Structure formats: structure tokens, C-alpha cells
PDB file of all heavy atoms in Angstrom:
ATOM      1  N   VAL A   1     129.153 140.901 100.508  1.00  0.00           N
ATOM      2  CA  VAL A   1     129.163 140.526 101.922  1.00  0.00           C
ATOM      3  C   VAL A   1     130.485 139.836 102.261  1.00  0.00           C
ATOM      4  O   VAL A   1     130.833 138.819 101.652  1.00  0.00           O
ATOM      5  CB  VAL A   1     127.992 139.575 102.247  1.00  0.00           C
ATOM      6  CG1 VAL A   1     127.946 139.285 103.748  1.00  0.00           C
ATOM      7  CG2 VAL A   1     126.668 140.151 101.769  1.00  0.00           C
ATOM      8  N   GLY A   2     131.192 140.371 103.233  1.00  0.00           N
ATOM      9  CA  GLY A   2     132.410 139.722 103.710  1.00  0.00           C
ATOM     10  C   GLY A   2     132.059 138.620 104.698  1.00  0.00           C
ATOM     11  O   GLY A   2     131.971 138.855 105.905  1.00  0.00           O
ATOM     12  N   VAL A   3     131.855 137.414 104.188  1.00  0.00           N
ATOM     13  CA  VAL A   3     131.539 136.273 105.055  1.00  0.00           C
ATOM     14  C   VAL A   3     132.802 135.800 105.768  1.00  0.00           C
ATOM     15  O   VAL A   3     132.777 135.426 106.937  1.00  0.00           O
ATOM     16  CB  VAL A   3     130.905 135.130 104.227  1.00  0.00           C
ATOM     17  CG1 VAL A   3     130.597 133.927 105.120  1.00  0.00           C
ATOM     18  CG2 VAL A   3     129.633 135.613 103.543  1.00  0.00           C
ATOM     19  N   GLU A   4     133.916 135.761 105.059  1.00  0.00           N
ATOM     20  CA  GLU A   4     135.260 135.397 105.521  1.00  0.00           C
ATOM     21  C   GLU A   4     135.434 133.898 105.750  1.00  0.00           C
ATOM     22  O   GLU A   4     136.353 133.289 105.241  1.00  0.00           O
ATOM     23  CB  GLU A   4     135.678 136.162 106.799  1.00  0.00           C
ATOM     24  CG  GLU A   4     135.220 137.601 106.917  1.00  0.00           C
ATOM     25  CD  GLU A   4     135.591 138.515 105.762  1.00  0.00           C
ATOM     26  OE1 GLU A   4     136.253 138.078 104.812  1.00  0.00           O
ATOM     27  OE2 GLU A   4     135.166 139.678 105.787  1.00  0.00           O
ATOM     28  N   THR A   5     134.564 133.284 106.544  1.00  0.00           N
ATOM     29  CA  THR A   5     134.683 131.863 106.861  1.00  0.00           C
ATOM     30  C   THR A   5     133.342 131.325 107.345  1.00  0.00           C
ATOM     31  O   THR A   5     132.521 132.072 107.887  1.00  0.00           O
ATOM     32  CB  THR A   5     135.751 131.622 107.940  1.00  0.00           C
ATOM     33  OG1 THR A   5     135.829 130.208 108.242  1.00  0.00           O
ATOM     34  CG2 THR A   5     135.425 132.362 109.222  1.00  0.00           C
ATOM     35  N   GLY A   6     133.134 130.031 107.168  1.00  0.00           N
ATOM     36  CA  GLY A   6     131.962 129.380 107.723  1.00  0.00           C
ATOM     37  C   GLY A   6     132.226 128.751 109.073  1.00  0.00           C
ATOM     38  O   GLY A   6     131.332 128.139 109.671  1.00  0.00           O
ATOM     39  N   HIS A   7     133.446 128.878 109.580  1.00  0.00           N
ATOM     40  CA  HIS A   7     133.852 128.267 110.854  1.00  0.00           C
ATOM     41  C   HIS A   7     133.688 129.297 111.972  1.00  0.00           C
ATOM     42  O   HIS A   7     134.488 130.234 112.090  1.00  0.00           O
ATOM     43  CB  HIS A   7     135.299 127.784 110.760  1.00  0.00           C
ATOM     44  CG  HIS A   7     135.756 127.014 111.961  1.00  0.00           C
ATOM     45  ND1 HIS A   7     135.073 125.931 112.474  1.00  0.00           N
ATOM     46  CD2 HIS A   7     136.854 127.169 112.753  1.00  0.00           C
ATOM     47  CE1 HIS A   7     135.712 125.446 113.517  1.00  0.00           C
ATOM     48  NE2 HIS A   7     136.795 126.190 113.713  1.00  0.00           N
ATOM     49  N   ASP A   8     132.667 129.120 112.791  1.00  0.00           N
ATOM     50  CA  ASP A   8     132.335 130.123 113.803  1.00  0.00           C
ATOM     51  C   ASP A   8     133.471 130.411 114.790  1.00  0.00           C
ATOM     52  O   ASP A   8     133.706 131.579 115.132  1.00  0.00           O
ATOM     53  CB  ASP A   8     131.081 129.702 114.559  1.00  0.00           C
ATOM     54  CG  ASP A   8     129.828 129.821 113.694  1.00  0.00           C
ATOM     55  OD1 ASP A   8     129.943 130.288 112.541  1.00  0.00           O
ATOM     56  OD2 ASP A   8     128.735 129.437 114.171  1.00  0.00           O
ATOM     57  N   PRO A   9     134.204 129.402 115.291  1.00  0.00           N
ATOM     58  CA  PRO A   9     135.311 129.719 116.213  1.00  0.00           C
ATOM     59  C   PRO A   9     136.372 130.608 115.565  1.00  0.00           C
ATOM     60  O   PRO A   9     136.938 131.479 116.232  1.00  0.00           O
ATOM     61  CB  PRO A   9     135.869 128.340 116.571  1.00  0.00           C
ATOM     62  CG  PRO A   9     134.710 127.414 116.422  1.00  0.00           C
ATOM     63  CD  PRO A   9     133.955 127.944 115.233  1.00  0.00           C
ATOM     64  N   LEU A  10     136.633 130.408 114.270  1.00  0.00           N
ATOM     65  CA  LEU A  10     137.597 131.267 113.584  1.00  0.00           C
ATOM     66  C   LEU A  10     137.037 132.677 113.456  1.00  0.00           C
ATOM     67  O   LEU A  10     137.754 133.668 113.655  1.00  0.00           O
ATOM     68  CB  LEU A  10     137.931 130.701 112.203  1.00  0.00           C
ATOM     69  CG  LEU A  10     138.806 131.580 111.292  1.00  0.00           C
ATOM     70  CD1 LEU A  10     140.109 131.972 111.975  1.00  0.00           C
ATOM     71  CD2 LEU A  10     139.084 130.860 109.979  1.00  0.00           C
ATOM     72  N   LEU A  11     135.757 132.810 113.143  1.00  0.00           N
ATOM     73  CA  LEU A  11     135.158 134.137 113.022  1.00  0.00           C
ATOM     74  C   LEU A  11     135.246 134.883 114.346  1.00  0.00           C
ATOM     75  O   LEU A  11     135.553 136.081 114.371  1.00  0.00           O
ATOM     76  CB  LEU A  11     133.698 134.004 112.578  1.00  0.00           C
ATOM     77  CG  LEU A  11     133.084 135.215 111.876  1.00  0.00           C
ATOM     78  CD1 LEU A  11     133.800 135.500 110.563  1.00  0.00           C
ATOM     79  CD2 LEU A  11     131.609 134.991 111.625  1.00  0.00           C
ATOM     80  N   ARG A  12     135.010 134.177 115.452  1.00  0.00           N
ATOM     81  CA  ARG A  12     135.141 134.819 116.769  1.00  0.00           C
ATOM     82  C   ARG A  12     136.580 135.213 117.024  1.00  0.00           C
ATOM     83  O   ARG A  12     136.850 136.277 117.609  1.00  0.00           O
ATOM     84  CB  ARG A  12     134.637 133.875 117.862  1.00  0.00           C
ATOM     85  CG  ARG A  12     133.114 133.709 117.877  1.00  0.00           C
ATOM     86  CD  ARG A  12     132.642 133.047 119.149  1.00  0.00           C
ATOM     87  NE  ARG A  12     133.092 131.662 119.246  1.00  0.00           N
ATOM     88  CZ  ARG A  12     132.433 130.624 118.759  1.00  0.00           C
ATOM     89  NH1 ARG A  12     131.282 130.793 118.120  1.00  0.00           N
ATOM     90  NH2 ARG A  12     132.905 129.399 118.908  1.00  0.00           N
ATOM     91  N   TRP A  13     137.528 134.373 116.609  1.00  0.00           N
ATOM     92  CA  TRP A  13     138.949 134.677 116.800  1.00  0.00           C
ATOM     93  C   TRP A  13     139.345 135.924 115.997  1.00  0.00           C
ATOM     94  O   TRP A  13     140.228 136.676 116.403  1.00  0.00           O
ATOM     95  CB  TRP A  13     139.794 133.468 116.365  1.00  0.00           C
ATOM     96  CG  TRP A  13     141.215 133.535 116.813  1.00  0.00           C
ATOM     97  CD1 TRP A  13     141.696 133.345 118.077  1.00  0.00           C
ATOM     98  CD2 TRP A  13     142.356 133.788 115.992  1.00  0.00           C
ATOM     99  NE1 TRP A  13     143.063 133.476 118.102  1.00  0.00           N
ATOM    100  CE2 TRP A  13     143.490 133.741 116.827  1.00  0.00           C
ATOM    101  CE3 TRP A  13     142.527 134.035 114.633  1.00  0.00           C
ATOM    102  CZ2 TRP A  13     144.786 133.948 116.345  1.00  0.00           C
ATOM    103  CZ3 TRP A  13     143.815 134.238 114.151  1.00  0.00           C
ATOM    104  CH2 TRP A  13     144.927 134.191 114.999  1.00  0.00           C
ATOM    105  N   LEU A  14     138.661 136.143 114.894  1.00  0.00           N
ATOM    106  CA  LEU A  14     138.902 137.334 114.069  1.00  0.00           C
ATOM    107  C   LEU A  14     138.157 138.561 114.594  1.00  0.00           C
ATOM    108  O   LEU A  14     138.273 139.646 114.015  1.00  0.00           O
ATOM    109  CB  LEU A  14     138.482 137.067 112.622  1.00  0.00           C
ATOM    110  CG  LEU A  14     139.219 135.945 111.901  1.00  0.00           C
ATOM    111  CD1 LEU A  14     138.583 135.682 110.539  1.00  0.00           C
ATOM    112  CD2 LEU A  14     140.702 136.281 111.744  1.00  0.00           C
ATOM    113  N   ASN A  15     137.371 138.369 115.670  1.00  0.00           N
ATOM    114  CA  ASN A  15     136.581 139.438 116.284  1.00  0.00           C
ATOM    115  C   ASN A  15     135.573 140.022 115.304  1.00  0.00           C
ATOM    116  O   ASN A  15     135.348 141.232 115.261  1.00  0.00           O
ATOM    117  CB  ASN A  15     137.486 140.556 116.834  1.00  0.00           C
ATOM    118  CG  ASN A  15     136.738 141.448 117.813  1.00  0.00           C
ATOM    119  OD1 ASN A  15     135.890 140.984 118.568  1.00  0.00           O
ATOM    120  ND2 ASN A  15     137.053 142.735 117.804  1.00  0.00           N
ATOM    121  N   LYS A  16     134.943 139.132 114.532  1.00  0.00           N
ATOM    122  CA  LYS A  16     133.895 139.569 113.618  1.00  0.00           C
ATOM    123  C   LYS A  16     132.585 138.943 114.062  1.00  0.00           C
ATOM    124  O   LYS A  16     132.456 137.715 114.116  1.00  0.00           O
ATOM    125  CB  LYS A  16     134.221 139.157 112.188  1.00  0.00           C
ATOM    126  CG  LYS A  16     133.220 139.705 111.178  1.00  0.00           C
ATOM    127  CD  LYS A  16     133.776 139.723 109.771  1.00  0.00           C
ATOM    128  CE  LYS A  16     132.847 140.476 108.836  1.00  0.00           C
ATOM    129  NZ  LYS A  16     133.425 140.664 107.503  1.00  0.00           N
ATOM    130  N   PRO A  17     131.584 139.741 114.382  1.00  0.00           N
ATOM    131  CA  PRO A  17     130.302 139.194 114.845  1.00  0.00           C
ATOM    132  C   PRO A  17     129.608 138.376 113.762  1.00  0.00           C
ATOM    133  O   PRO A  17     129.899 138.500 112.569  1.00  0.00           O
ATOM    134  CB  PRO A  17     129.489 140.451 115.190  1.00  0.00           C
ATOM    135  CG  PRO A  17     130.495 141.530 115.383  1.00  0.00           C
ATOM    136  CD  PRO A  17     131.615 141.209 114.438  1.00  0.00           C
ATOM    137  N   GLY A  18     128.671 137.573 114.195  1.00  0.00           N
ATOM    138  CA  GLY A  18     127.892 136.751 113.275  1.00  0.00           C
ATOM    139  C   GLY A  18     128.344 135.309 113.320  1.00  0.00           C
ATOM    140  O   GLY A  18     129.037 134.875 114.231  1.00  0.00           O
ATOM    141  N   GLY A  19     127.946 134.545 112.322  1.00  0.00           N
ATOM    142  CA  GLY A  19     128.285 133.130 112.256  1.00  0.00           C
ATOM    143  C   GLY A  19     127.656 132.517 111.033  1.00  0.00           C
ATOM    144  O   GLY A  19     126.965 133.187 110.249  1.00  0.00           O
ATOM    145  N   ALA A  20     127.875 131.226 110.849  1.00  0.00           N
ATOM    146  CA  ALA A  20     127.384 130.547 109.646  1.00  0.00           C
ATOM    147  C   ALA A  20     125.860 130.582 109.556  1.00  0.00           C
ATOM    148  O   ALA A  20     125.302 130.815 108.478  1.00  0.00           O
ATOM    149  CB  ALA A  20     127.893 129.106 109.638  1.00  0.00           C
ATOM    150  N   ASP A  21     125.172 130.357 110.658  1.00  0.00           N
ATOM    151  CA  ASP A  21     123.707 130.378 110.621  1.00  0.00           C
ATOM    152  C   ASP A  21     123.185 131.758 110.237  1.00  0.00           C
ATOM    153  O   ASP A  21     122.252 131.880 109.430  1.00  0.00           O
ATOM    154  CB  ASP A  21     123.129 129.961 111.969  1.00  0.00           C
ATOM    155  CG  ASP A  21     123.316 128.479 112.264  1.00  0.00           C
ATOM    156  OD1 ASP A  21     123.579 127.715 111.310  1.00  0.00           O
ATOM    157  OD2 ASP A  21     123.196 128.092 113.444  1.00  0.00           O
ATOM    158  N   GLU A  22     123.784 132.787 110.824  1.00  0.00           N
ATOM    159  CA  GLU A  22     123.369 134.149 110.505  1.00  0.00           C
ATOM    160  C   GLU A  22     123.645 134.474 109.041  1.00  0.00           C
ATOM    161  O   GLU A  22     122.831 135.117 108.363  1.00  0.00           O
ATOM    162  CB  GLU A  22     124.083 135.152 111.411  1.00  0.00           C
ATOM    163  CG  GLU A  22     123.633 135.140 112.856  1.00  0.00           C
ATOM    164  CD  GLU A  22     124.391 134.114 113.688  1.00  0.00           C
ATOM    165  OE1 GLU A  22     125.043 133.236 113.109  1.00  0.00           O
ATOM    166  OE2 GLU A  22     124.303 134.200 114.925  1.00  0.00           O
ATOM    167  N   ALA A  23     124.812 134.028 108.539  1.00  0.00           N
ATOM    168  CA  ALA A  23     125.150 134.280 107.138  1.00  0.00           C
ATOM    169  C   ALA A  23     124.156 133.597 106.209  1.00  0.00           C
ATOM    170  O   ALA A  23     123.715 134.182 105.206  1.00  0.00           O
ATOM    171  CB  ALA A  23     126.568 133.811 106.848  1.00  0.00           C
ATOM    172  N   ALA A  24     123.798 132.340 106.526  1.00  0.00           N
ATOM    173  CA  ALA A  24     122.845 131.608 105.680  1.00  0.00           C
ATOM    174  C   ALA A  24     121.493 132.307 105.656  1.00  0.00           C
ATOM    175  O   ALA A  24     120.866 132.455 104.592  1.00  0.00           O
ATOM    176  CB  ALA A  24     122.704 130.179 106.182  1.00  0.00           C
ATOM    177  N   GLU A  25     121.021 132.756 106.805  1.00  0.00           N
ATOM    178  CA  GLU A  25     119.731 133.440 106.876  1.00  0.00           C
ATOM    179  C   GLU A  25     119.772 134.769 106.126  1.00  0.00           C
ATOM    180  O   GLU A  25     118.812 135.138 105.425  1.00  0.00           O
ATOM    181  CB  GLU A  25     119.344 133.668 108.337  1.00  0.00           C
ATOM    182  CG  GLU A  25     119.013 132.382 109.093  1.00  0.00           C
ATOM    183  CD  GLU A  25     118.750 132.637 110.557  1.00  0.00           C
ATOM    184  OE1 GLU A  25     118.706 133.827 110.949  1.00  0.00           O
ATOM    185  OE2 GLU A  25     118.595 131.663 111.325  1.00  0.00           O
ATOM    186  N   PHE A  26     120.890 135.484 106.263  1.00  0.00           N
ATOM    187  CA  PHE A  26     120.986 136.796 105.625  1.00  0.00           C
ATOM    188  C   PHE A  26     121.037 136.674 104.109  1.00  0.00           C
ATOM    189  O   PHE A  26     120.343 137.403 103.389  1.00  0.00           O
ATOM    190  CB  PHE A  26     122.225 137.529 106.148  1.00  0.00           C
ATOM    191  CG  PHE A  26     122.413 138.887 105.530  1.00  0.00           C
ATOM    192  CD1 PHE A  26     121.367 139.780 105.441  1.00  0.00           C
ATOM    193  CD2 PHE A  26     123.646 139.271 105.030  1.00  0.00           C
ATOM    194  CE1 PHE A  26     121.534 141.040 104.873  1.00  0.00           C
ATOM    195  CE2 PHE A  26     123.828 140.516 104.454  1.00  0.00           C
ATOM    196  CZ  PHE A  26     122.775 141.405 104.383  1.00  0.00           C
ATOM    197  N   VAL A  27     121.847 135.747 103.598  1.00  0.00           N
ATOM    198  CA  VAL A  27     121.932 135.569 102.151  1.00  0.00           C
ATOM    199  C   VAL A  27     120.577 135.127 101.592  1.00  0.00           C
ATOM    200  O   VAL A  27     120.140 135.601 100.538  1.00  0.00           O
ATOM    201  CB  VAL A  27     123.042 134.569 101.788  1.00  0.00           C
ATOM    202  CG1 VAL A  27     123.012 134.223 100.297  1.00  0.00           C
ATOM    203  CG2 VAL A  27     124.415 135.144 102.158  1.00  0.00           C
ATOM    204  N   ALA A  28     119.890 134.238 102.306  1.00  0.00           N
ATOM    205  CA  ALA A  28     118.561 133.810 101.865  1.00  0.00           C
ATOM    206  C   ALA A  28     117.599 134.997 101.815  1.00  0.00           C
ATOM    207  O   ALA A  28     116.772 135.102 100.900  1.00  0.00           O
ATOM    208  CB  ALA A  28     118.019 132.730 102.801  1.00  0.00           C
ATOM    209  N   CYS A  29     117.709 135.914 102.765  1.00  0.00           N
ATOM    210  CA  CYS A  29     116.864 137.105 102.795  1.00  0.00           C
ATOM    211  C   CYS A  29     117.150 137.995 101.585  1.00  0.00           C
ATOM    212  O   CYS A  29     116.217 138.484 100.919  1.00  0.00           O
ATOM    213  CB  CYS A  29     117.104 137.869 104.094  1.00  0.00           C
ATOM    214  SG  CYS A  29     116.223 139.440 104.233  1.00  0.00           S
ATOM    215  N   LEU A  30     118.433 138.215 101.285  1.00  0.00           N
ATOM    216  CA  LEU A  30     118.802 139.048 100.141  1.00  0.00           C
ATOM    217  C   LEU A  30     118.300 138.436  98.834  1.00  0.00           C
ATOM    218  O   LEU A  30     117.773 139.143  97.961  1.00  0.00           O
ATOM    219  CB  LEU A  30     120.321 139.222 100.081  1.00  0.00           C
ATOM    220  CG  LEU A  30     120.963 140.037 101.207  1.00  0.00           C
ATOM    221  CD1 LEU A  30     122.475 139.995 101.083  1.00  0.00           C
ATOM    222  CD2 LEU A  30     120.474 141.484 101.179  1.00  0.00           C
ATOM    223  N   LYS A  31     118.457 137.125  98.709  1.00  0.00           N
ATOM    224  CA  LYS A  31     118.015 136.461  97.481  1.00  0.00           C
ATOM    225  C   LYS A  31     116.489 136.507  97.356  1.00  0.00           C
ATOM    226  O   LYS A  31     115.958 136.696  96.260  1.00  0.00           O
ATOM    227  CB  LYS A  31     118.513 135.024  97.451  1.00  0.00           C
ATOM    228  CG  LYS A  31     120.038 134.881  97.380  1.00  0.00           C
ATOM    229  CD  LYS A  31     120.620 135.592  96.163  1.00  0.00           C
ATOM    230  CE  LYS A  31     120.067 135.024  94.873  1.00  0.00           C
ATOM    231  NZ  LYS A  31     120.542 135.799  93.687  1.00  0.00           N
TER     232      LYS A  31
END
């Protein structure tokens, strides 16, 4: 999974959807 960063404003600046909360929920689901 390309998380890239936990800083949501930076993720938006990179034009990548999602965010730290979504990443945490998704990784927990996979595990």
C-alpha cells in the first residue's frame, strides 16, 4: 500500500485521495 504520508494536507497537495484515518481503517481491515 502506497500510504506516502500521514499528513492529510500533504496528501491532498499530492492529489492522492484518502487520509490517515482511511489508511488506519484499511490496514486494520487487511490485518
